[in-house]
Amino acid sequence: GTTTYTDSAKGRFTISRDNAKNTMYLQMNSLKP
């Protein structure tokens, strides 16, 4: 569950995983062109 982000994503994107659902997510906020 340890996370790493590229500099441009830090503070805006959040990666997470739900192993029980076999699913991984990327929440993206404050999106830019």
PDB file of all heavy atoms in Angstrom:
ATOM      1  N   GLY A   1       0.772  -1.236   0.000  1.00  0.00           N
ATOM      2  CA  GLY A   1       0.000   0.000   0.000  1.00  0.00           C
ATOM      3  C   GLY A   1       0.801   1.282   0.000  1.00  0.00           C
ATOM      4  O   GLY A   1       0.213   2.367   0.063  1.00  0.00           O
ATOM      5  N   THR A   2       2.117   1.204  -0.068  1.00  0.00           N
ATOM      6  CA  THR A   2       2.933   2.406  -0.157  1.00  0.00           C
ATOM      7  C   THR A   2       2.807   3.020  -1.545  1.00  0.00           C
ATOM      8  O   THR A   2       2.863   2.309  -2.544  1.00  0.00           O
ATOM      9  CB  THR A   2       4.399   2.089   0.142  1.00  0.00           C
ATOM     10  OG1 THR A   2       4.502   1.526   1.457  1.00  0.00           O
ATOM     11  CG2 THR A   2       5.260   3.345   0.069  1.00  0.00           C
ATOM     12  N   THR A   3       2.642   4.335  -1.615  1.00  0.00           N
ATOM     13  CA  THR A   3       2.379   5.010  -2.883  1.00  0.00           C
ATOM     14  C   THR A   3       3.524   5.905  -3.313  1.00  0.00           C
ATOM     15  O   THR A   3       4.283   6.428  -2.490  1.00  0.00           O
ATOM     16  CB  THR A   3       1.094   5.843  -2.807  1.00  0.00           C
ATOM     17  OG1 THR A   3       1.222   6.817  -1.763  1.00  0.00           O
ATOM     18  CG2 THR A   3      -0.099   4.955  -2.515  1.00  0.00           C
ATOM     19  N   THR A   4       3.635   6.082  -4.623  1.00  0.00           N
ATOM     20  CA  THR A   4       4.624   6.951  -5.241  1.00  0.00           C
ATOM     21  C   THR A   4       3.944   7.721  -6.358  1.00  0.00           C
ATOM     22  O   THR A   4       3.116   7.167  -7.079  1.00  0.00           O
ATOM     23  CB  THR A   4       5.801   6.146  -5.805  1.00  0.00           C
ATOM     24  OG1 THR A   4       6.404   5.379  -4.766  1.00  0.00           O
ATOM     25  CG2 THR A   4       6.856   7.082  -6.411  1.00  0.00           C
ATOM     26  N   TYR A   5       4.304   9.004  -6.524  1.00  0.00           N
ATOM     27  CA  TYR A   5       3.711   9.847  -7.551  1.00  0.00           C
ATOM     28  C   TYR A   5       4.780  10.603  -8.311  1.00  0.00           C
ATOM     29  O   TYR A   5       5.796  11.003  -7.742  1.00  0.00           O
ATOM     30  CB  TYR A   5       2.746  10.870  -6.945  1.00  0.00           C
ATOM     31  CG  TYR A   5       1.595  10.258  -6.194  1.00  0.00           C
ATOM     32  CD1 TYR A   5       1.681  10.025  -4.829  1.00  0.00           C
ATOM     33  CD2 TYR A   5       0.425   9.909  -6.851  1.00  0.00           C
ATOM     34  CE1 TYR A   5       0.627   9.454  -4.138  1.00  0.00           C
ATOM     35  CE2 TYR A   5      -0.629   9.337  -6.168  1.00  0.00           C
ATOM     36  CZ  TYR A   5      -0.522   9.114  -4.814  1.00  0.00           C
ATOM     37  OH  TYR A   5      -1.573   8.549  -4.134  1.00  0.00           O
ATOM     38  N   THR A   6       4.524  10.831  -9.587  1.00  0.00           N
ATOM     39  CA  THR A   6       5.362  11.742 -10.330  1.00  0.00           C
ATOM     40  C   THR A   6       5.101  13.154  -9.823  1.00  0.00           C
ATOM     41  O   THR A   6       4.025  13.445  -9.278  1.00  0.00           O
ATOM     42  CB  THR A   6       5.082  11.637 -11.844  1.00  0.00           C
ATOM     43  OG1 THR A   6       6.074  12.363 -12.572  1.00  0.00           O
ATOM     44  CG2 THR A   6       3.720  12.195 -12.188  1.00  0.00           C
ATOM     45  N   ASP A   7       6.066  14.036  -9.983  1.00  0.00           N
ATOM     46  CA  ASP A   7       5.961  15.374  -9.404  1.00  0.00           C
ATOM     47  C   ASP A   7       4.697  16.105  -9.858  1.00  0.00           C
ATOM     48  O   ASP A   7       4.045  16.789  -9.065  1.00  0.00           O
ATOM     49  CB  ASP A   7       7.192  16.202  -9.756  1.00  0.00           C
ATOM     50  CG  ASP A   7       8.427  15.788  -8.984  1.00  0.00           C
ATOM     51  OD1 ASP A   7       8.281  15.101  -7.952  1.00  0.00           O
ATOM     52  OD2 ASP A   7       9.534  16.154  -9.402  1.00  0.00           O
ATOM     53  N   SER A   8       4.338  15.977 -11.114  1.00  0.00           N
ATOM     54  CA  SER A   8       3.187  16.695 -11.639  1.00  0.00           C
ATOM     55  C   SER A   8       1.867  16.206 -11.054  1.00  0.00           C
ATOM     56  O   SER A   8       0.866  16.921 -11.113  1.00  0.00           O
ATOM     57  CB  SER A   8       3.144  16.595 -13.166  1.00  0.00           C
ATOM     58  OG  SER A   8       2.936  15.258 -13.586  1.00  0.00           O
ATOM     59  N   ALA A   9       1.856  15.002 -10.495  1.00  0.00           N
ATOM     60  CA  ALA A   9       0.636  14.428  -9.938  1.00  0.00           C
ATOM     61  C   ALA A   9       0.500  14.645  -8.439  1.00  0.00           C
ATOM     62  O   ALA A   9      -0.605  14.528  -7.901  1.00  0.00           O
ATOM     63  CB  ALA A   9       0.575  12.932 -10.234  1.00  0.00           C
ATOM     64  N   LYS A  10       1.586  14.947  -7.773  1.00  0.00           N
ATOM     65  CA  LYS A  10       1.563  15.096  -6.324  1.00  0.00           C
ATOM     66  C   LYS A  10       0.589  16.192  -5.902  1.00  0.00           C
ATOM     67  O   LYS A  10       0.578  17.282  -6.456  1.00  0.00           O
ATOM     68  CB  LYS A  10       2.960  15.416  -5.804  1.00  0.00           C
ATOM     69  CG  LYS A  10       3.940  14.267  -5.913  1.00  0.00           C
ATOM     70  CD  LYS A  10       5.328  14.668  -5.424  1.00  0.00           C
ATOM     71  CE  LYS A  10       6.308  13.519  -5.552  1.00  0.00           C
ATOM     72  NZ  LYS A  10       7.679  13.907  -5.164  1.00  0.00           N
ATOM     73  N   GLY A  11      -0.233  15.872  -4.925  1.00  0.00           N
ATOM     74  CA  GLY A  11      -1.204  16.825  -4.424  1.00  0.00           C
ATOM     75  C   GLY A  11      -2.496  16.862  -5.195  1.00  0.00           C
ATOM     76  O   GLY A  11      -3.466  17.487  -4.740  1.00  0.00           O
ATOM     77  N   ARG A  12      -2.555  16.225  -6.357  1.00  0.00           N
ATOM     78  CA  ARG A  12      -3.759  16.218  -7.182  1.00  0.00           C
ATOM     79  C   ARG A  12      -4.330  14.821  -7.397  1.00  0.00           C
ATOM     80  O   ARG A  12      -5.545  14.665  -7.475  1.00  0.00           O
ATOM     81  CB  ARG A  12      -3.480  16.848  -8.547  1.00  0.00           C
ATOM     82  CG  ARG A  12      -3.007  18.293  -8.493  1.00  0.00           C
ATOM     83  CD  ARG A  12      -2.949  18.907  -9.885  1.00  0.00           C
ATOM     84  NE  ARG A  12      -2.006  18.197 -10.754  1.00  0.00           N
ATOM     85  CZ  ARG A  12      -2.322  17.707 -11.948  1.00  0.00           C
ATOM     86  NH1 ARG A  12      -3.554  17.846 -12.427  1.00  0.00           N
ATOM     87  NH2 ARG A  12      -1.398  17.096 -12.675  1.00  0.00           N
ATOM     88  N   PHE A  13      -3.461  13.826  -7.518  1.00  0.00           N
ATOM     89  CA  PHE A  13      -3.886  12.461  -7.807  1.00  0.00           C
ATOM     90  C   PHE A  13      -3.684  11.575  -6.587  1.00  0.00           C
ATOM     91  O   PHE A  13      -2.749  11.777  -5.803  1.00  0.00           O
ATOM     92  CB  PHE A  13      -3.073  11.870  -8.961  1.00  0.00           C
ATOM     93  CG  PHE A  13      -3.277  12.533 -10.295  1.00  0.00           C
ATOM     94  CD1 PHE A  13      -4.105  13.636 -10.455  1.00  0.00           C
ATOM     95  CD2 PHE A  13      -2.623  12.033 -11.408  1.00  0.00           C
ATOM     96  CE1 PHE A  13      -4.285  14.233 -11.687  1.00  0.00           C
ATOM     97  CE2 PHE A  13      -2.789  12.621 -12.655  1.00  0.00           C
ATOM     98  CZ  PHE A  13      -3.620  13.724 -12.791  1.00  0.00           C
ATOM     99  N   THR A  14      -4.541  10.571  -6.452  1.00  0.00           N
ATOM    100  CA  THR A  14      -4.422   9.597  -5.383  1.00  0.00           C
ATOM    101  C   THR A  14      -4.619   8.200  -5.949  1.00  0.00           C
ATOM    102  O   THR A  14      -5.645   7.916  -6.565  1.00  0.00           O
ATOM    103  CB  THR A  14      -5.452   9.843  -4.274  1.00  0.00           C
ATOM    104  OG1 THR A  14      -5.302  11.167  -3.753  1.00  0.00           O
ATOM    105  CG2 THR A  14      -5.255   8.844  -3.138  1.00  0.00           C
ATOM    106  N   ILE A  15      -3.635   7.340  -5.740  1.00  0.00           N
ATOM    107  CA  ILE A  15      -3.739   5.948  -6.159  1.00  0.00           C
ATOM    108  C   ILE A  15      -4.140   5.104  -4.955  1.00  0.00           C
ATOM    109  O   ILE A  15      -3.695   5.354  -3.833  1.00  0.00           O
ATOM    110  CB  ILE A  15      -2.415   5.451  -6.781  1.00  0.00           C
ATOM    111  CG1 ILE A  15      -2.584   4.060  -7.393  1.00  0.00           C
ATOM    112  CG2 ILE A  15      -1.281   5.481  -5.765  1.00  0.00           C
ATOM    113  CD1 ILE A  15      -1.361   3.600  -8.192  1.00  0.00           C
ATOM    114  N   SER A  16      -4.988   4.128  -5.182  1.00  0.00           N
ATOM    115  CA  SER A  16      -5.425   3.244  -4.113  1.00  0.00           C
ATOM    116  C   SER A  16      -5.758   1.879  -4.698  1.00  0.00           C
ATOM    117  O   SER A  16      -5.860   1.716  -5.914  1.00  0.00           O
ATOM    118  CB  SER A  16      -6.634   3.825  -3.369  1.00  0.00           C
ATOM    119  OG  SER A  16      -7.737   3.976  -4.244  1.00  0.00           O
ATOM    120  N   ARG A  17      -5.923   0.902  -3.822  1.00  0.00           N
ATOM    121  CA  ARG A  17      -6.286  -0.431  -4.288  1.00  0.00           C
ATOM    122  C   ARG A  17      -7.229  -1.087  -3.299  1.00  0.00           C
ATOM    123  O   ARG A  17      -7.161  -0.855  -2.088  1.00  0.00           O
ATOM    124  CB  ARG A  17      -5.035  -1.300  -4.504  1.00  0.00           C
ATOM    125  CG  ARG A  17      -4.219  -1.585  -3.243  1.00  0.00           C
ATOM    126  CD  ARG A  17      -2.859  -2.191  -3.587  1.00  0.00           C
ATOM    127  NE  ARG A  17      -2.988  -3.476  -4.257  1.00  0.00           N
ATOM    128  CZ  ARG A  17      -2.004  -4.070  -4.922  1.00  0.00           C
ATOM    129  NH1 ARG A  17      -0.819  -3.477  -5.025  1.00  0.00           N
ATOM    130  NH2 ARG A  17      -2.214  -5.245  -5.496  1.00  0.00           N
ATOM    131  N   ASP A  18      -8.115  -1.910  -3.819  1.00  0.00           N
ATOM    132  CA  ASP A  18      -9.041  -2.689  -3.022  1.00  0.00           C
ATOM    133  C   ASP A  18      -8.830  -4.139  -3.430  1.00  0.00           C
ATOM    134  O   ASP A  18      -9.393  -4.606  -4.420  1.00  0.00           O
ATOM    135  CB  ASP A  18     -10.482  -2.251  -3.259  1.00  0.00           C
ATOM    136  CG  ASP A  18     -11.465  -2.933  -2.321  1.00  0.00           C
ATOM    137  OD1 ASP A  18     -11.144  -4.012  -1.788  1.00  0.00           O
ATOM    138  OD2 ASP A  18     -12.567  -2.384  -2.113  1.00  0.00           O
ATOM    139  N   ASN A  19      -8.001  -4.846  -2.677  1.00  0.00           N
ATOM    140  CA  ASN A  19      -7.646  -6.209  -3.056  1.00  0.00           C
ATOM    141  C   ASN A  19      -8.844  -7.152  -3.016  1.00  0.00           C
ATOM    142  O   ASN A  19      -8.910  -8.103  -3.793  1.00  0.00           O
ATOM    143  CB  ASN A  19      -6.534  -6.727  -2.148  1.00  0.00           C
ATOM    144  CG  ASN A  19      -5.214  -6.025  -2.386  1.00  0.00           C
ATOM    145  OD1 ASN A  19      -4.947  -5.527  -3.478  1.00  0.00           O
ATOM    146  ND2 ASN A  19      -4.373  -5.984  -1.363  1.00  0.00           N
ATOM    147  N   ALA A  20      -9.784  -6.902  -2.120  1.00  0.00           N
ATOM    148  CA  ALA A  20     -10.973  -7.742  -2.044  1.00  0.00           C
ATOM    149  C   ALA A  20     -11.800  -7.662  -3.316  1.00  0.00           C
ATOM    150  O   ALA A  20     -12.489  -8.615  -3.678  1.00  0.00           O
ATOM    151  CB  ALA A  20     -11.823  -7.357  -0.843  1.00  0.00           C
ATOM    152  N   LYS A  21     -11.747  -6.514  -4.002  1.00  0.00           N
ATOM    153  CA  LYS A  21     -12.478  -6.319  -5.247  1.00  0.00           C
ATOM    154  C   LYS A  21     -11.603  -6.487  -6.478  1.00  0.00           C
ATOM    155  O   LYS A  21     -12.081  -6.289  -7.598  1.00  0.00           O
ATOM    156  CB  LYS A  21     -13.125  -4.939  -5.269  1.00  0.00           C
ATOM    157  CG  LYS A  21     -14.170  -4.724  -4.187  1.00  0.00           C
ATOM    158  CD  LYS A  21     -14.787  -3.339  -4.289  1.00  0.00           C
ATOM    159  CE  LYS A  21     -15.853  -3.139  -3.234  1.00  0.00           C
ATOM    160  NZ  LYS A  21     -16.451  -1.787  -3.301  1.00  0.00           N
ATOM    161  N   ASN A  22     -10.330  -6.830  -6.279  1.00  0.00           N
ATOM    162  CA  ASN A  22      -9.383  -6.962  -7.393  1.00  0.00           C
ATOM    163  C   ASN A  22      -9.368  -5.713  -8.270  1.00  0.00           C
ATOM    164  O   ASN A  22      -9.345  -5.797  -9.503  1.00  0.00           O
ATOM    165  CB  ASN A  22      -9.714  -8.190  -8.243  1.00  0.00           C
ATOM    166  CG  ASN A  22      -9.420  -9.493  -7.537  1.00  0.00           C
ATOM    167  OD1 ASN A  22      -8.679  -9.539  -6.557  1.00  0.00           O
ATOM    168  ND2 ASN A  22     -10.001 -10.573  -8.035  1.00  0.00           N
ATOM    169  N   THR A  23      -9.376  -4.551  -7.629  1.00  0.00           N
ATOM    170  CA  THR A  23      -9.484  -3.298  -8.352  1.00  0.00           C
ATOM    171  C   THR A  23      -8.503  -2.270  -7.809  1.00  0.00           C
ATOM    172  O   THR A  23      -8.289  -2.187  -6.592  1.00  0.00           O
ATOM    173  CB  THR A  23     -10.915  -2.738  -8.276  1.00  0.00           C
ATOM    174  OG1 THR A  23     -11.834  -3.718  -8.767  1.00  0.00           O
ATOM    175  CG2 THR A  23     -11.045  -1.482  -9.123  1.00  0.00           C
ATOM    176  N   MET A  24      -7.922  -1.492  -8.708  1.00  0.00           N
ATOM    177  CA  MET A  24      -7.026  -0.401  -8.370  1.00  0.00           C
ATOM    178  C   MET A  24      -7.603   0.881  -8.965  1.00  0.00           C
ATOM    179  O   MET A  24      -8.237   0.845 -10.026  1.00  0.00           O
ATOM    180  CB  MET A  24      -5.631  -0.702  -8.930  1.00  0.00           C
ATOM    181  CG  MET A  24      -4.532   0.231  -8.500  1.00  0.00           C
ATOM    182  SD  MET A  24      -4.078   1.407  -9.815  1.00  0.00           S
ATOM    183  CE  MET A  24      -3.493   0.307 -11.099  1.00  0.00           C
ATOM    184  N   TYR A  25      -7.379   2.010  -8.283  1.00  0.00           N
ATOM    185  CA  TYR A  25      -8.016   3.260  -8.668  1.00  0.00           C
ATOM    186  C   TYR A  25      -6.993   4.384  -8.788  1.00  0.00           C
ATOM    187  O   TYR A  25      -5.939   4.366  -8.146  1.00  0.00           O
ATOM    188  CB  TYR A  25      -9.057   3.691  -7.631  1.00  0.00           C
ATOM    189  CG  TYR A  25     -10.104   2.658  -7.326  1.00  0.00           C
ATOM    190  CD1 TYR A  25      -9.961   1.795  -6.240  1.00  0.00           C
ATOM    191  CD2 TYR A  25     -11.245   2.547  -8.113  1.00  0.00           C
ATOM    192  CE1 TYR A  25     -10.923   0.849  -5.954  1.00  0.00           C
ATOM    193  CE2 TYR A  25     -12.212   1.603  -7.831  1.00  0.00           C
ATOM    194  CZ  TYR A  25     -12.048   0.756  -6.753  1.00  0.00           C
ATOM    195  OH  TYR A  25     -13.010  -0.181  -6.468  1.00  0.00           O
ATOM    196  N   LEU A  26      -7.338   5.369  -9.596  1.00  0.00           N
ATOM    197  CA  LEU A  26      -6.607   6.621  -9.637  1.00  0.00           C
ATOM    198  C   LEU A  26      -7.624   7.752  -9.589  1.00  0.00           C
ATOM    199  O   LEU A  26      -8.349   7.981 -10.561  1.00  0.00           O
ATOM    200  CB  LEU A  26      -5.741   6.742 -10.894  1.00  0.00           C
ATOM    201  CG  LEU A  26      -4.868   7.998 -10.950  1.00  0.00           C
ATOM    202  CD1 LEU A  26      -3.786   7.951  -9.877  1.00  0.00           C
ATOM    203  CD2 LEU A  26      -4.231   8.160 -12.333  1.00  0.00           C
ATOM    204  N   GLN A  27      -7.687   8.430  -8.457  1.00  0.00           N
ATOM    205  CA  GLN A  27      -8.536   9.605  -8.316  1.00  0.00           C
ATOM    206  C   GLN A  27      -7.750  10.816  -8.789  1.00  0.00           C
ATOM    207  O   GLN A  27      -6.684  11.110  -8.252  1.00  0.00           O
ATOM    208  CB  GLN A  27      -8.967   9.792  -6.862  1.00  0.00           C
ATOM    209  CG  GLN A  27      -9.817  11.034  -6.612  1.00  0.00           C
ATOM    210  CD  GLN A  27     -11.162  10.959  -7.277  1.00  0.00           C
ATOM    211  OE1 GLN A  27     -11.840   9.936  -7.189  1.00  0.00           O
ATOM    212  NE2 GLN A  27     -11.559  12.035  -7.957  1.00  0.00           N
ATOM    213  N   MET A  28      -8.266  11.512  -9.781  1.00  0.00           N
ATOM    214  CA  MET A  28      -7.591  12.649 -10.378  1.00  0.00           C
ATOM    215  C   MET A  28      -8.416  13.900 -10.144  1.00  0.00           C
ATOM    216  O   MET A  28      -9.544  14.010 -10.632  1.00  0.00           O
ATOM    217  CB  MET A  28      -7.361  12.428 -11.874  1.00  0.00           C
ATOM    218  CG  MET A  28      -6.577  11.161 -12.190  1.00  0.00           C
ATOM    219  SD  MET A  28      -6.167  11.025 -13.950  1.00  0.00           S
ATOM    220  CE  MET A  28      -7.811  10.814 -14.629  1.00  0.00           C
ATOM    221  N   ASN A  29      -7.861  14.839  -9.397  1.00  0.00           N
ATOM    222  CA  ASN A  29      -8.515  16.105  -9.106  1.00  0.00           C
ATOM    223  C   ASN A  29      -7.714  17.252  -9.713  1.00  0.00           C
ATOM    224  O   ASN A  29      -6.551  17.099 -10.063  1.00  0.00           O
ATOM    225  CB  ASN A  29      -8.641  16.313  -7.597  1.00  0.00           C
ATOM    226  CG  ASN A  29      -9.474  15.259  -6.914  1.00  0.00           C
ATOM    227  OD1 ASN A  29     -10.434  14.746  -7.487  1.00  0.00           O
ATOM    228  ND2 ASN A  29      -9.116  14.932  -5.675  1.00  0.00           N
ATOM    229  N   SER A  30      -8.356  18.406  -9.816  1.00  0.00           N
ATOM    230  CA  SER A  30      -7.702  19.606 -10.351  1.00  0.00           C
ATOM    231  C   SER A  30      -7.011  19.321 -11.671  1.00  0.00           C
ATOM    232  O   SER A  30      -5.851  19.694 -11.888  1.00  0.00           O
ATOM    233  CB  SER A  30      -6.708  20.162  -9.325  1.00  0.00           C
ATOM    234  OG  SER A  30      -7.348  20.479  -8.110  1.00  0.00           O
ATOM    235  N   LEU A  31      -7.719  18.678 -12.562  1.00  0.00           N
ATOM    236  CA  LEU A  31      -7.128  18.256 -13.826  1.00  0.00           C
ATOM    237  C   LEU A  31      -6.737  19.449 -14.688  1.00  0.00           C
ATOM    238  O   LEU A  31      -7.403  20.483 -14.686  1.00  0.00           O
ATOM    239  CB  LEU A  31      -8.087  17.353 -14.581  1.00  0.00           C
ATOM    240  CG  LEU A  31      -8.151  15.920 -14.042  1.00  0.00           C
ATOM    241  CD1 LEU A  31      -9.399  15.214 -14.539  1.00  0.00           C
ATOM    242  CD2 LEU A  31      -6.900  15.150 -14.452  1.00  0.00           C
ATOM    243  N   LYS A  32      -5.648  19.270 -15.418  1.00  0.00           N
ATOM    244  CA  LYS A  32      -5.100  20.281 -16.299  1.00  0.00           C
ATOM    245  C   LYS A  32      -5.060  19.748 -17.726  1.00  0.00           C
ATOM    246  O   LYS A  32      -4.996  18.539 -17.928  1.00  0.00           O
ATOM    247  CB  LYS A  32      -3.677  20.652 -15.863  1.00  0.00           C
ATOM    248  CG  LYS A  32      -3.547  21.107 -14.428  1.00  0.00           C
ATOM    249  CD  LYS A  32      -2.082  21.310 -14.059  1.00  0.00           C
ATOM    250  CE  LYS A  32      -1.932  21.740 -12.618  1.00  0.00           C
ATOM    251  NZ  LYS A  32      -0.499  21.910 -12.245  1.00  0.00           N
ATOM    252  N   PRO A  33      -5.070  20.633 -18.723  1.00  0.00           N
ATOM    253  CA  PRO A  33      -4.944  20.150 -20.103  1.00  0.00           C
ATOM    254  C   PRO A  33      -3.714  19.283 -20.317  1.00  0.00           C
ATOM    255  O   PRO A  33      -3.746  18.362 -21.140  1.00  0.00           O
ATOM    256  CB  PRO A  33      -4.865  21.449 -20.911  1.00  0.00           C
ATOM    257  CG  PRO A  33      -5.642  22.426 -20.106  1.00  0.00           C
ATOM    258  CD  PRO A  33      -5.338  22.082 -18.667  1.00  0.00           C
TER     259      PRO A  33
END
